[in-house]
Amino acid sequence: MAEKVALFGLIGDHCLVCNKPFDKKDREMVMSWNVIVREKEEVVNLYCPECWTGAVELLNEIKKDLLGEEE
């Protein structure tokens, strides 16, 4: 548990992709942004909702292409 709390302190102050500022004191931001923790590397990545949604959409498109699915 202590390791996870320590990693929480590594959360940045901007989106990793677009550099949009992140305010840790803004409840709406805290609830809507995505935090990805890579424990082995002790890295915490922060993504705004727009960048996260774009990444998920891109991954879904790649998956469709790989599986040969049509829209």
Protein backbone atom coordinates (compact mmCIF):
# COMPACT_ATOMS: atom_id res chain seq x y z
CA MET A 1 0.00 0.00 0.00
CA ALA A 2 2.80 2.41 0.85
CA GLU A 3 4.29 1.90 -2.63
CA LYS A 4 0.99 2.84 -4.27
CA VAL A 5 0.68 5.96 -2.16
CA ALA A 6 4.25 6.92 -3.05
CA LEU A 7 3.49 6.47 -6.76
CA PHE A 8 0.40 8.68 -6.39
CA GLY A 9 2.79 11.49 -5.55
CA LEU A 10 4.31 11.10 -9.03
CA ILE A 11 1.14 12.28 -10.80
CA GLY A 12 2.08 15.11 -13.12
CA ASP A 13 0.45 18.46 -13.61
CA HIS A 14 -0.39 18.08 -17.31
CA CYS A 15 -1.63 15.58 -19.91
CA LEU A 16 1.19 13.41 -21.23
CA VAL A 17 -0.06 13.84 -24.82
CA CYS A 18 -1.33 17.41 -25.23
CA ASN A 19 0.18 19.12 -22.15
CA LYS A 20 -3.22 20.39 -21.02
CA PRO A 21 -2.81 21.53 -17.39
CA PHE A 22 -4.13 19.28 -14.61
CA ASP A 23 -5.28 20.72 -11.29
CA LYS A 24 -5.08 18.11 -8.54
CA LYS A 25 -7.47 20.21 -6.44
CA ASP A 26 -10.21 20.25 -9.11
CA ARG A 27 -12.62 17.43 -8.22
CA GLU A 28 -14.04 17.20 -11.75
CA MET A 29 -10.55 16.82 -13.23
CA VAL A 30 -9.56 14.25 -10.65
CA MET A 31 -12.68 12.21 -11.45
CA SER A 32 -12.49 12.48 -15.26
CA TRP A 33 -8.79 12.21 -16.13
CA ASN A 34 -7.09 8.82 -16.57
CA VAL A 35 -4.05 7.77 -14.56
CA ILE A 36 -1.98 4.82 -15.67
CA VAL A 37 0.53 3.47 -13.16
CA ARG A 38 3.44 1.33 -14.31
CA GLU A 39 4.62 -0.04 -10.98
CA LYS A 40 7.73 -1.84 -12.24
CA GLU A 41 9.03 1.31 -13.89
CA GLU A 42 7.66 3.55 -11.13
CA VAL A 43 6.04 5.76 -13.77
CA VAL A 44 2.67 7.48 -13.55
CA ASN A 45 1.12 8.70 -16.81
CA LEU A 46 -1.73 11.21 -16.85
CA TYR A 47 -4.19 11.65 -19.75
CA CYS A 48 -6.97 14.21 -20.24
CA PRO A 49 -10.39 12.87 -21.29
CA GLU A 50 -9.99 14.07 -24.90
CA CYS A 51 -6.64 12.37 -25.42
CA TRP A 52 -7.82 9.22 -23.66
CA THR A 53 -10.94 9.02 -25.84
CA GLY A 54 -8.86 9.57 -28.98
CA ALA A 55 -6.46 6.79 -28.00
CA VAL A 56 -9.29 4.35 -27.29
CA GLU A 57 -10.91 5.17 -30.65
CA LEU A 58 -7.60 4.66 -32.45
CA LEU A 59 -7.07 1.30 -30.75
CA ASN A 60 -10.60 0.21 -31.69
CA GLU A 61 -9.94 1.14 -35.33
CA ILE A 62 -6.67 -0.82 -35.33
CA LYS A 63 -8.46 -3.79 -33.78
CA LYS A 64 -11.17 -3.65 -36.46
CA ASP A 65 -8.54 -3.52 -39.20
CA LEU A 66 -6.62 -6.45 -37.73
CA LEU A 67 -9.76 -8.54 -37.40
CA GLY A 68 -11.03 -7.52 -40.83
CA GLU A 69 -14.24 -6.11 -39.40
CA GLU A 70 -16.32 -3.60 -41.35
CA GLU A 71 -18.18 -0.66 -39.88
